[in-house]
Amino acid sequence: MGRDGNDGPWSTFALGFGTPPQYVRVLVSTTCPQPWAIDPLGCTTAPNCAHRRGNLFYKNSSSTWQDKGLYGLDEELNLGYGGNGNFGLDSITLGYPGSNALTVDDQLLATVATEDFYLATWGIAPRPTNLTKPGQNSVTFAAEDAYPSLLRTMKQQAKIPSIAYGYTAGARYSTFPFILTALADFVVLGLRQVPASLTFGGYDASRFVPSNLTFGFAEDSSRDLVVGIQSISVAGEPPDQALLPTPILSFVDATVPHIWLPLEACEAFERAFGLVFDANSGLYLVNETQHRGLLTRNATLVFTIGADTTSAHKLDISLPYAAFDLQLTAYPNAPNATRYFPLRRAANDTQYTLGRTFLQETYLIADYERSQFLIHQCHFEEGLPQNIRAISSPNATNITTGPSSPPKPSGPHLSSGVIAAIVVVPVVIFTVLGVILALLRRRKRRATKQASCDDSPATTTVACSISGEHELHEDQLPLPELHDFAKDPWEMDAGIAAVEINGEKPTVHEME
């Protein structure tokens, strides 16, 4: 899983902007309706900046860029974020270089330099964008004379069955062992982290525990995914130590990493976990002594949510302390490589937000044609195949699987009435665990092994090459080979599952 971000690490996806595609690593935004790439102006002096920010998009090097001008970024203004973007139309490619990736032409996007949005952003909200409203030099939204979102364009071009998606942010702390290298006398193991997952026009039923709790969209289309947080507690501890004194309505938003709560709730967290507020950064920084204590305690926080603050129909979402164990890198007004707890003090109720931290353990299904969404507890199980389910449009008659009752995983194949699924993997890095004794043996025999390989017949060449060094570094990401979904959708290539993109017929597109 890509370890990206200055407030993470977070699981990222790869998008190609322009012609030919320039590939960058992006984080999903469930609020923004356009993708944002990092402009070269955002990396003028800092060393290794382009890599840290997920690579840059040089719009002047794209033969299909159509410039539309400079506008303000009207996203997350209530949380203090800001900046400008150079907007334009260009091609967007979903997938990795060398694959039969899906490309959508003439799509609105922006290049940004502000560090408020440190990584490129993949806006998947379906609202249209209006850049031409008289007397206003900012991005606004209107149904007429507006640029459609990527999600709506894909629906209009019959590439997905509905204006809907399923998403979870991934959990870098949940890992599964796998065999990275296997020889006759020893095994080198790796840890596979749980990546983010994004499905357009459907969802992956293998990623969550189904619930029957359905939410209606809020009236404000820019803050539509609102839930009632009825309580926050620590599992196994007395209920009088509740961390949310008063129930609140909160916006679910993958754009930002933090959880924004009222001051009295933040103070309850401070007492419960010994957190100390840092006024310079506005964050709760965690020193090494605190960190060791929090790891030892290993508390699980339980968020009880409902359609409102009093509904008897509610759902518990559990987050382990590991979900809050984050680190800052090149973050404004904070020391470098500093641990922090992703809790923010909200000034008023417009700032109450459940950010990307919450979505590590939460699977979100949003159906914009029915104006409803669902939230489920994530389910992590090694070896469980994907179970991609389509969400039909309300007027469709040949697809019966809808988000109101997510089916239990029953196997990897879709029924004949469901539109065929297409999957692409996110940027992936594996943590290599070497068995010390085996590595020492390998060093001692390296010269002998090489000599025997030189004289070995072709049938033993693969075994010899496997015994060589196989180190994976963050700045040397492997590009996965893509395979045909109908033939082998779960084949692993160096530990990375991937399948071919095919945009010729309506499909459910999953980025996982």
Protein backbone atom coordinates (compact mmCIF):
# COMPACT_ATOMS: atom_id res chain seq x y z
CA MET A 1 0.00 0.00 0.00
CA GLY A 2 1.40 3.37 -0.95
CA ARG A 3 2.73 5.25 2.10
CA ASP A 4 1.75 8.68 0.87
CA GLY A 5 0.84 11.99 2.47
CA ASN A 6 2.28 14.49 4.94
CA ASP A 7 -0.35 13.53 7.53
CA GLY A 8 -0.63 9.79 6.93
CA PRO A 9 0.54 7.39 5.60
CA TRP A 10 -2.41 6.72 3.28
CA SER A 11 -3.30 4.28 0.55
CA THR A 12 -3.29 6.02 -2.85
CA PHE A 13 -4.48 5.32 -6.39
CA ALA A 14 -2.85 6.07 -9.74
CA LEU A 15 -4.44 8.39 -12.32
CA GLY A 16 -3.03 9.47 -15.65
CA PHE A 17 -3.64 13.10 -16.65
CA GLY A 18 -3.30 14.41 -20.20
CA THR A 19 -1.96 13.02 -23.47
CA PRO A 20 0.28 11.12 -23.19
CA PRO A 21 -0.80 10.24 -19.63
CA GLN A 22 1.29 11.64 -16.80
CA TYR A 23 0.74 9.32 -13.83
CA VAL A 24 0.31 10.69 -10.33
CA ARG A 25 -0.69 9.21 -6.98
CA VAL A 26 -4.02 10.50 -5.67
CA LEU A 27 -6.21 10.43 -2.58
CA VAL A 28 -9.98 10.12 -2.93
CA SER A 29 -12.22 13.07 -2.10
CA THR A 30 -15.89 12.26 -1.59
CA THR A 31 -16.68 16.01 -1.54
CA CYS A 32 -14.88 17.45 -4.56
CA PRO A 33 -16.37 16.85 -8.05
CA GLN A 34 -13.11 17.24 -10.01
CA PRO A 35 -9.64 15.69 -9.84
CA TRP A 36 -6.84 18.01 -8.74
CA ALA A 37 -3.25 17.41 -9.82
CA ILE A 38 -0.19 19.00 -8.22
CA ASP A 39 1.15 21.85 -10.36
CA PRO A 40 4.95 22.25 -10.74
CA LEU A 41 4.54 25.60 -8.96
CA GLY A 42 3.82 23.56 -5.85
CA CYS A 43 7.39 22.20 -5.90
CA THR A 44 9.89 24.97 -6.49
CA THR A 45 12.52 24.57 -3.76
CA ALA A 46 11.84 21.62 -1.43
CA PRO A 47 14.04 18.57 -2.14
CA ASN A 48 12.28 15.45 -3.37
CA CYS A 49 9.04 17.43 -3.38
CA ALA A 50 7.59 15.92 -6.55
CA HIS A 51 7.84 12.40 -5.17
CA ARG A 52 6.54 13.39 -1.76
CA ARG A 53 3.50 15.02 -3.36
CA GLY A 54 2.73 12.03 -5.58
CA ASN A 55 4.32 13.40 -8.80
CA LEU A 56 3.49 16.53 -10.78
CA PHE A 57 1.29 17.23 -13.80
CA TYR A 58 2.87 19.41 -16.47
CA LYS A 59 -0.23 20.63 -18.29
CA ASN A 60 1.78 22.33 -21.05
CA SER A 61 3.22 18.92 -21.96
CA SER A 62 -0.24 17.52 -22.64
CA SER A 63 -1.42 17.78 -26.24
CA THR A 64 -5.08 17.70 -25.15
CA TRP A 65 -5.05 20.34 -22.39
CA GLN A 66 -7.72 23.07 -22.84
CA ASP A 67 -7.10 25.89 -20.38
CA LYS A 68 -10.10 27.47 -18.64
CA GLY A 69 -8.36 29.85 -16.25
CA LEU A 70 -7.57 30.38 -12.58
CA TYR A 71 -10.33 29.95 -9.98
CA GLY A 72 -10.62 29.62 -6.24
CA LEU A 73 -10.94 26.16 -4.70
CA ASP A 74 -14.30 26.12 -2.98
CA GLU A 75 -13.72 22.94 -0.97
CA GLU A 76 -13.18 22.62 2.79
CA LEU A 77 -13.33 26.39 3.29
CA ASN A 78 -15.21 25.84 6.54
CA LEU A 79 -12.20 23.89 7.86
CA GLY A 80 -9.70 26.60 6.94
CA TYR A 81 -8.41 25.04 3.72
CA GLY A 82 -7.99 27.20 0.63
CA GLY A 83 -6.04 28.02 -2.51
CA ASN A 84 -6.46 28.49 -6.24
CA GLY A 85 -6.53 26.07 -9.13
CA ASN A 86 -5.75 26.35 -12.82
CA PHE A 87 -8.78 24.64 -14.35
CA GLY A 88 -8.94 23.02 -17.75
CA LEU A 89 -10.26 20.11 -19.77
CA ASP A 90 -8.10 17.08 -20.45
CA SER A 91 -8.07 13.30 -20.64
CA ILE A 92 -8.07 11.23 -17.45
CA THR A 93 -6.82 7.63 -17.47
CA LEU A 94 -7.91 5.24 -14.72
CA GLY A 95 -5.16 2.68 -14.31
CA TYR A 96 -1.46 2.06 -14.71
CA PRO A 97 0.79 2.59 -17.73
CA GLY A 98 1.01 -0.36 -20.07
CA SER A 99 -2.52 -1.58 -19.31
CA ASN A 100 -5.70 -1.40 -21.32
CA ALA A 101 -6.85 1.38 -18.99
CA LEU A 102 -10.10 3.30 -19.24
CA THR A 103 -9.66 6.88 -20.51
CA VAL A 104 -12.29 9.63 -20.26
CA ASP A 105 -11.67 12.61 -22.55
CA ASP A 106 -12.49 16.31 -22.12
CA GLN A 107 -12.93 16.05 -18.37
CA LEU A 108 -12.64 19.03 -16.04
CA LEU A 109 -9.65 19.00 -13.68
CA ALA A 110 -7.39 21.48 -11.96
CA THR A 111 -3.73 21.90 -11.13
CA VAL A 112 -3.04 23.21 -7.63
CA ALA A 113 0.06 24.43 -5.80
CA THR A 114 -1.29 24.95 -2.28
CA GLU A 115 -0.01 22.59 0.41
CA ASP A 116 -3.44 22.56 2.05
CA PHE A 117 -4.08 19.64 -0.32
CA TYR A 118 -0.64 18.04 -0.20
CA LEU A 119 -1.34 15.12 -2.53
CA ALA A 120 -3.30 15.12 -5.76
CA THR A 121 -7.02 14.69 -5.16
CA TRP A 122 -9.44 12.42 -6.98
CA GLY A 123 -12.79 14.13 -6.58
CA ILE A 124 -15.60 11.62 -7.08
CA ALA A 125 -18.63 13.69 -6.01
CA PRO A 126 -21.12 13.82 -8.92
CA ARG A 127 -22.02 17.53 -8.70
CA PRO A 128 -21.49 19.53 -11.94
CA THR A 129 -19.05 22.46 -11.91
CA ASN A 130 -19.77 25.91 -13.30
CA LEU A 131 -16.76 28.09 -14.11
CA THR A 132 -18.62 30.82 -15.99
CA LYS A 133 -21.09 32.28 -13.50
CA PRO A 134 -21.13 36.10 -14.13
CA GLY A 135 -19.25 38.26 -11.65
CA GLN A 136 -17.72 35.42 -9.69
CA ASN A 137 -14.13 34.22 -10.07
CA SER A 138 -14.62 30.94 -8.23
CA VAL A 139 -15.88 27.44 -8.77
CA THR A 140 -19.66 27.15 -8.37
CA PHE A 141 -22.18 24.47 -9.10
CA ALA A 142 -25.28 24.57 -11.27
CA ALA A 143 -27.29 22.08 -13.26
CA GLU A 144 -27.18 24.08 -16.48
CA ASP A 145 -24.17 25.26 -18.51
CA ALA A 146 -21.85 23.29 -16.25
CA TYR A 147 -19.10 20.71 -16.65
CA PRO A 148 -20.20 17.21 -15.59
CA SER A 149 -18.28 15.27 -12.97
CA LEU A 150 -16.23 12.21 -13.89
CA LEU A 151 -18.80 9.93 -12.27
CA ARG A 152 -21.67 11.45 -14.26
CA THR A 153 -19.69 11.34 -17.50
CA MET A 154 -18.97 7.66 -17.02
CA LYS A 155 -22.69 7.03 -16.46
CA GLN A 156 -23.65 9.08 -19.54
CA GLN A 157 -21.19 7.11 -21.64
CA ALA A 158 -22.64 3.81 -20.32
CA LYS A 159 -19.35 2.83 -18.70
CA ILE A 160 -20.99 2.26 -15.30
CA PRO A 161 -24.57 1.20 -14.47
CA SER A 162 -25.38 4.03 -12.05
CA ILE A 163 -24.14 7.21 -10.39
CA ALA A 164 -22.92 5.42 -7.29
CA TYR A 165 -19.72 4.21 -5.65
CA GLY A 166 -18.37 2.07 -2.84
CA TYR A 167 -15.26 3.23 -0.98
CA THR A 168 -13.01 2.54 1.98
CA ALA A 169 -9.71 4.27 2.73
CA GLY A 170 -7.71 1.11 3.49
CA ALA A 171 -5.94 0.13 6.69
CA ARG A 172 -2.15 0.11 6.58
CA TYR A 173 -2.03 -1.31 10.13
CA SER A 174 -4.04 -4.43 9.23
CA THR A 175 -1.59 -6.84 7.63
CA PHE A 176 -1.53 -10.42 6.39
CA PRO A 177 1.60 -12.54 5.94
CA PHE A 178 2.36 -13.94 2.50
CA ILE A 179 5.25 -15.80 0.90
CA LEU A 180 7.43 -13.34 -0.96
CA THR A 181 10.19 -15.82 -1.85
CA ALA A 182 10.14 -19.58 -1.40
CA LEU A 183 13.25 -21.74 -1.74
CA ALA A 184 13.95 -25.34 -0.96
CA ASP A 185 15.40 -24.61 2.45
CA PHE A 186 13.79 -21.39 3.66
CA VAL A 187 10.97 -18.93 3.10
CA VAL A 188 11.09 -15.12 3.04
CA LEU A 189 7.81 -13.64 4.22
CA GLY A 190 6.18 -10.29 3.56
CA LEU A 191 3.27 -8.37 5.04
CA ARG A 192 0.42 -7.40 2.76
CA GLN A 193 -1.41 -4.30 4.00
CA VAL A 194 -5.13 -3.75 3.42
CA PRO A 195 -5.40 -1.27 0.52
CA ALA A 196 -8.06 1.30 -0.20
CA SER A 197 -10.93 0.21 -2.44
CA LEU A 198 -13.05 2.31 -4.82
CA THR A 199 -15.83 0.90 -6.99
CA PHE A 200 -17.77 3.02 -9.49
CA GLY A 201 -21.34 1.95 -10.18
CA GLY A 202 -21.32 -0.63 -7.40
CA TYR A 203 -19.41 -1.93 -4.39
CA ASP A 204 -17.24 -4.79 -3.17
CA ALA A 205 -19.37 -6.89 -0.82
CA SER A 206 -16.30 -8.75 0.45
CA ARG A 207 -14.97 -5.63 2.19
CA PHE A 208 -17.62 -5.12 4.89
CA VAL A 209 -20.06 -6.62 7.38
CA PRO A 210 -23.55 -5.82 6.00
CA SER A 211 -25.85 -3.58 8.01
CA ASN A 212 -29.38 -2.41 7.32
CA LEU A 213 -28.85 1.21 8.31
CA THR A 214 -29.69 3.57 5.43
CA PHE A 215 -29.07 7.33 5.44
CA GLY A 216 -30.77 9.95 3.30
CA PHE A 217 -28.71 12.73 1.74
CA ALA A 218 -28.66 16.10 3.50
CA GLU A 219 -30.16 19.06 1.66
CA ASP A 220 -26.80 20.79 1.17
CA SER A 221 -25.27 18.97 -1.83
CA SER A 222 -21.77 20.02 -0.76
CA ARG A 223 -22.29 18.35 2.64
CA ASP A 224 -24.62 15.52 1.71
CA LEU A 225 -23.17 12.56 3.64
CA VAL A 226 -24.31 13.52 7.14
CA VAL A 227 -24.73 11.04 10.02
CA GLY A 228 -25.74 11.41 13.62
CA ILE A 229 -22.95 10.52 16.08
CA GLN A 230 -24.91 9.41 19.13
CA SER A 231 -21.92 8.45 21.25
CA ILE A 232 -18.18 7.75 21.25
CA SER A 233 -16.87 5.33 23.84
CA VAL A 234 -13.91 3.12 24.64
CA ALA A 235 -14.71 -0.57 24.29
CA GLY A 236 -14.64 -2.44 27.58
CA GLU A 237 -14.53 0.68 29.75
CA PRO A 238 -17.31 2.17 31.92
CA PRO A 239 -19.99 4.10 30.00
CA ASP A 240 -19.55 7.13 32.26
CA GLN A 241 -16.26 7.74 30.44
CA ALA A 242 -18.12 8.66 27.25
CA LEU A 243 -16.04 10.81 24.90
CA LEU A 244 -18.94 12.69 23.28
CA PRO A 245 -20.95 14.56 25.94
CA THR A 246 -23.71 15.58 23.50
CA PRO A 247 -24.78 13.80 20.27
CA ILE A 248 -24.00 15.71 17.07
CA LEU A 249 -24.58 15.62 13.31
CA SER A 250 -21.34 15.10 11.42
CA PHE A 251 -20.25 15.16 7.77
CA VAL A 252 -18.44 12.08 6.39
CA ASP A 253 -15.60 13.37 4.19
CA ALA A 254 -12.62 11.44 2.81
CA THR A 255 -10.91 14.66 1.63
CA VAL A 256 -9.45 15.47 5.04
CA PRO A 257 -7.68 13.08 7.42
CA HIS A 258 -8.97 14.31 10.76
CA ILE A 259 -12.01 13.84 12.96
CA TRP A 260 -13.43 17.25 13.95
CA LEU A 261 -15.43 17.26 17.20
CA PRO A 262 -16.76 19.86 19.67
CA LEU A 263 -14.31 21.28 22.19
CA GLU A 264 -15.92 19.44 25.11
CA ALA A 265 -15.48 16.13 23.25
CA CYS A 266 -11.83 16.94 22.51
CA GLU A 267 -11.28 17.69 26.19
CA ALA A 268 -12.81 14.32 27.06
CA PHE A 269 -10.30 12.67 24.67
CA GLU A 270 -7.50 14.62 26.37
CA ARG A 271 -8.49 13.26 29.78
CA ALA A 272 -9.01 9.71 28.52
CA PHE A 273 -5.76 9.37 26.57
CA GLY A 274 -3.44 12.00 28.04
CA LEU A 275 -3.44 14.02 24.82
CA VAL A 276 -1.88 17.49 24.77
CA PHE A 277 -3.09 20.17 22.34
CA ASP A 278 -0.42 21.98 20.33
CA ALA A 279 -1.57 25.52 19.57
CA ASN A 280 0.99 26.09 16.80
CA SER A 281 -0.20 23.25 14.60
CA GLY A 282 -3.74 22.93 15.95
CA LEU A 283 -3.10 19.21 16.41
CA TYR A 284 -2.60 16.72 19.21
CA LEU A 285 1.08 15.80 18.95
CA VAL A 286 2.20 12.56 20.58
CA ASN A 287 5.72 12.10 22.00
CA GLU A 288 7.44 8.73 22.22
CA THR A 289 6.55 8.17 25.88
CA GLN A 290 2.86 8.83 25.17
CA HIS A 291 3.05 6.65 22.09
CA ARG A 292 4.41 3.66 24.01
CA GLY A 293 1.66 4.05 26.59
CA LEU A 294 -1.08 4.28 23.95
CA LEU A 295 0.27 1.23 22.16
CA THR A 296 0.30 -0.74 25.41
CA ARG A 297 -3.27 0.28 26.23
CA ASN A 298 -4.40 -0.49 22.67
CA ALA A 299 -7.86 0.96 23.16
CA THR A 300 -10.69 0.45 20.68
CA LEU A 301 -12.94 3.45 20.09
CA VAL A 302 -16.59 2.80 19.26
CA PHE A 303 -18.54 5.38 17.25
CA THR A 304 -22.30 4.80 17.54
CA ILE A 305 -24.02 6.40 14.55
CA GLY A 306 -27.59 6.71 13.30
CA ALA A 307 -29.63 8.60 10.73
CA ASP A 308 -29.98 11.33 13.38
CA THR A 309 -28.88 11.91 16.96
CA THR A 310 -31.81 10.06 18.59
CA SER A 311 -32.77 7.22 16.24
CA ALA A 312 -33.12 3.80 17.86
CA HIS A 313 -31.80 2.22 14.64
CA LYS A 314 -28.05 2.65 15.01
CA LEU A 315 -24.70 1.08 14.19
CA ASP A 316 -21.42 0.71 16.09
CA ILE A 317 -18.23 1.35 14.13
CA SER A 318 -15.09 0.20 15.97
CA LEU A 319 -11.66 1.73 15.35
CA PRO A 320 -8.50 0.36 16.99
CA TYR A 321 -5.89 2.75 18.32
CA ALA A 322 -3.75 1.86 15.28
CA ALA A 323 -6.20 3.81 13.12
CA PHE A 324 -5.27 6.96 15.06
CA ASP A 325 -1.53 6.26 15.19
CA LEU A 326 -0.40 8.66 12.44
CA GLN A 327 2.74 10.64 11.64
CA LEU A 328 3.40 14.09 10.23
CA THR A 329 5.98 14.69 7.49
CA ALA A 330 6.70 18.21 6.20
CA TYR A 331 3.50 19.42 7.88
CA PRO A 332 3.08 23.19 8.45
CA ASN A 333 3.94 24.45 11.94
CA ALA A 334 4.86 21.01 13.24
CA PRO A 335 8.20 19.22 13.74
CA ASN A 336 9.08 16.74 11.02
CA ALA A 337 8.44 13.02 11.60
CA THR A 338 6.16 13.70 14.57
CA ARG A 339 3.43 11.33 15.71
CA TYR A 340 -0.02 12.79 16.22
CA PHE A 341 -3.59 11.84 17.09
CA PRO A 342 -5.92 12.96 14.22
CA LEU A 343 -8.45 14.83 16.37
CA ARG A 344 -9.31 18.48 15.67
CA ARG A 345 -11.17 21.06 17.73
CA ALA A 346 -14.25 22.28 15.85
CA ALA A 347 -15.18 25.93 16.24
CA ASN A 348 -18.85 25.33 15.39
CA ASP A 349 -21.21 22.67 14.05
CA THR A 350 -20.29 23.39 10.40
CA GLN A 351 -16.90 21.82 11.14
CA TYR A 352 -18.08 18.52 12.62
CA THR A 353 -16.41 16.01 10.29
CA LEU A 354 -15.56 12.32 10.17
CA GLY A 355 -12.52 12.30 7.89
CA ARG A 356 -10.32 9.67 6.27
CA THR A 357 -9.27 8.26 9.65
CA PHE A 358 -12.87 7.10 10.21
CA LEU A 359 -13.05 5.60 6.71
CA GLN A 360 -10.15 3.22 7.42
CA GLU A 361 -12.61 0.99 9.26
CA THR A 362 -15.74 2.07 7.39
CA TYR A 363 -17.11 1.07 4.00
CA LEU A 364 -19.22 3.80 2.40
CA ILE A 365 -21.79 3.12 -0.34
CA ALA A 366 -23.29 6.27 -1.91
CA ASP A 367 -26.20 6.01 -4.37
CA TYR A 368 -26.84 9.41 -5.95
CA GLU A 369 -29.76 8.27 -8.07
CA ARG A 370 -31.71 7.28 -4.96
CA SER A 371 -30.26 10.04 -2.73
CA GLN A 372 -29.17 7.61 -0.05
CA PHE A 373 -26.01 6.11 1.38
CA LEU A 374 -24.99 3.25 3.65
CA ILE A 375 -22.15 2.80 6.11
CA HIS A 376 -20.75 -0.56 7.18
CA GLN A 377 -17.98 -1.85 9.43
CA CYS A 378 -15.06 -3.00 7.29
CA HIS A 379 -14.20 -6.68 7.17
CA PHE A 380 -10.58 -7.80 6.75
CA GLU A 381 -9.96 -11.41 5.85
CA GLU A 382 -6.94 -12.79 4.03
CA GLY A 383 -7.68 -14.66 0.84
CA LEU A 384 -11.32 -13.59 0.54
CA PRO A 385 -12.06 -12.97 -3.17
CA GLN A 386 -13.61 -9.76 -4.36
CA ASN A 387 -17.38 -9.78 -4.62
CA ILE A 388 -18.24 -6.88 -6.91
CA ARG A 389 -21.93 -6.00 -6.98
CA ALA A 390 -23.55 -3.52 -9.36
CA ILE A 391 -25.98 -0.85 -8.23
CA SER A 392 -28.72 -0.41 -10.81
CA SER A 393 -30.33 2.84 -11.87
CA PRO A 394 -33.87 3.19 -10.48
CA ASN A 395 -35.37 2.70 -13.95
CA ALA A 396 -33.28 -0.37 -14.76
CA THR A 397 -35.06 -3.72 -14.90
CA ASN A 398 -32.26 -6.20 -15.53
CA ILE A 399 -30.19 -5.57 -12.40
CA THR A 400 -31.72 -6.37 -9.05
CA THR A 401 -28.81 -5.89 -6.66
CA GLY A 402 -29.12 -2.50 -4.97
CA PRO A 403 -27.40 -0.83 -2.04
CA SER A 404 -30.38 -0.96 0.28
CA SER A 405 -29.64 -4.59 1.14
CA PRO A 406 -25.99 -5.44 0.41
CA PRO A 407 -25.73 -9.17 -0.26
CA LYS A 408 -23.48 -11.45 1.71
CA PRO A 409 -20.35 -12.53 -0.17
CA SER A 410 -21.28 -15.65 -2.11
CA GLY A 411 -18.43 -15.97 -4.56
CA PRO A 412 -16.42 -14.05 -7.07
CA HIS A 413 -18.76 -14.23 -10.06
CA LEU A 414 -21.62 -11.91 -10.90
CA SER A 415 -24.94 -13.16 -12.17
CA SER A 416 -25.78 -12.73 -15.84
CA GLY A 417 -28.07 -9.80 -14.99
CA VAL A 418 -25.28 -7.81 -13.39
CA ILE A 419 -22.97 -5.67 -15.51
CA ALA A 420 -19.47 -7.14 -15.72
CA ALA A 421 -16.97 -5.85 -13.19
CA ILE A 422 -13.58 -4.24 -13.84
CA VAL A 423 -10.89 -3.81 -11.19
CA VAL A 424 -7.64 -1.83 -10.92
CA VAL A 425 -5.23 -1.94 -7.97
CA PRO A 426 -3.98 1.05 -5.96
CA VAL A 427 -0.33 1.90 -5.54
CA VAL A 428 1.04 -0.93 -3.41
CA ILE A 429 4.19 -1.41 -1.33
CA PHE A 430 4.88 -4.53 0.69
CA THR A 431 6.84 -4.65 3.93
CA VAL A 432 9.43 -7.41 3.60
CA LEU A 433 10.08 -9.64 6.62
CA GLY A 434 13.35 -11.51 6.19
CA VAL A 435 13.97 -14.55 8.32
CA ILE A 436 17.36 -13.67 9.84
CA LEU A 437 18.82 -17.14 9.76
CA ALA A 438 17.74 -17.63 6.17
CA LEU A 439 19.25 -14.31 5.11
CA LEU A 440 22.55 -15.25 6.74
CA ARG A 441 22.52 -18.55 4.91
CA ARG A 442 21.79 -16.78 1.64
CA ARG A 443 24.74 -14.43 2.08
CA LYS A 444 27.08 -17.35 2.74
CA ARG A 445 25.89 -19.24 -0.32
CA ARG A 446 25.41 -16.30 -2.71
CA ALA A 447 28.64 -16.92 -4.63
CA THR A 448 27.95 -20.65 -4.84
CA LYS A 449 24.37 -20.06 -5.95
CA GLN A 450 25.48 -17.67 -8.68
CA ALA A 451 28.01 -20.15 -9.98
CA SER A 452 25.44 -22.93 -10.09
CA CYS A 453 22.97 -20.64 -11.85
CA ASP A 454 25.48 -19.86 -14.55
CA ASP A 455 25.76 -23.56 -15.34
CA SER A 456 22.09 -24.50 -14.73
CA PRO A 457 19.74 -25.53 -17.53
CA ALA A 458 16.79 -23.29 -18.45
CA THR A 459 14.40 -25.19 -16.18
CA THR A 460 16.24 -24.03 -13.06
CA THR A 461 16.75 -20.39 -14.06
CA VAL A 462 13.62 -19.14 -12.31
CA ALA A 463 14.55 -20.72 -9.01
CA CYS A 464 17.97 -19.13 -9.16
CA SER A 465 16.59 -15.69 -9.94
CA ILE A 466 14.13 -15.94 -7.05
CA SER A 467 16.98 -16.43 -4.62
CA GLY A 468 18.41 -13.01 -5.49
CA GLU A 469 17.63 -9.78 -3.63
CA HIS A 470 14.01 -8.63 -3.91
CA GLU A 471 13.83 -5.36 -2.00
CA LEU A 472 10.87 -3.06 -2.62
CA HIS A 473 11.36 0.64 -1.94
CA GLU A 474 8.80 3.44 -1.77
CA ASP A 475 10.50 5.31 -4.61
CA GLN A 476 10.63 2.22 -6.84
CA LEU A 477 6.99 1.17 -7.04
CA PRO A 478 6.37 -1.95 -9.11
CA LEU A 479 3.89 -1.54 -11.94
CA PRO A 480 1.49 -4.47 -11.87
CA GLU A 481 0.74 -6.57 -14.90
CA LEU A 482 -2.98 -6.39 -15.68
CA HIS A 483 -4.94 -9.55 -16.37
CA ASP A 484 -8.26 -10.31 -18.01
CA PHE A 485 -11.02 -10.22 -15.35
CA ALA A 486 -13.08 -12.97 -16.94
CA LYS A 487 -10.12 -15.34 -16.92
CA ASP A 488 -8.20 -14.63 -13.74
CA PRO A 489 -9.43 -11.67 -11.69
CA TRP A 490 -7.56 -12.62 -8.52
CA GLU A 491 -4.18 -13.67 -9.90
CA MET A 492 -1.37 -12.23 -7.81
CA ASP A 493 1.58 -10.59 -9.55
CA ALA A 494 4.39 -9.99 -7.06
CA GLY A 495 1.68 -9.80 -4.44
CA ILE A 496 -0.46 -7.33 -6.41
CA ALA A 497 -3.87 -8.34 -7.70
CA ALA A 498 -4.90 -6.62 -10.92
CA VAL A 499 -7.15 -7.09 -13.89
CA GLU A 500 -7.66 -5.55 -17.29
CA ILE A 501 -9.79 -2.44 -17.79
CA ASN A 502 -12.30 -2.65 -20.62
CA GLY A 503 -14.32 0.45 -21.41
CA GLU A 504 -16.27 -0.98 -24.33
CA LYS A 505 -19.38 -1.94 -22.35
CA PRO A 506 -21.10 -0.76 -19.16
CA THR A 507 -19.01 -1.88 -16.21
CA VAL A 508 -18.50 -1.54 -12.50
CA HIS A 509 -15.08 0.02 -12.02
CA GLU A 510 -13.24 -0.84 -8.83
CA MET A 511 -9.93 0.76 -7.91
CA GLU A 512 -8.41 -1.63 -5.39
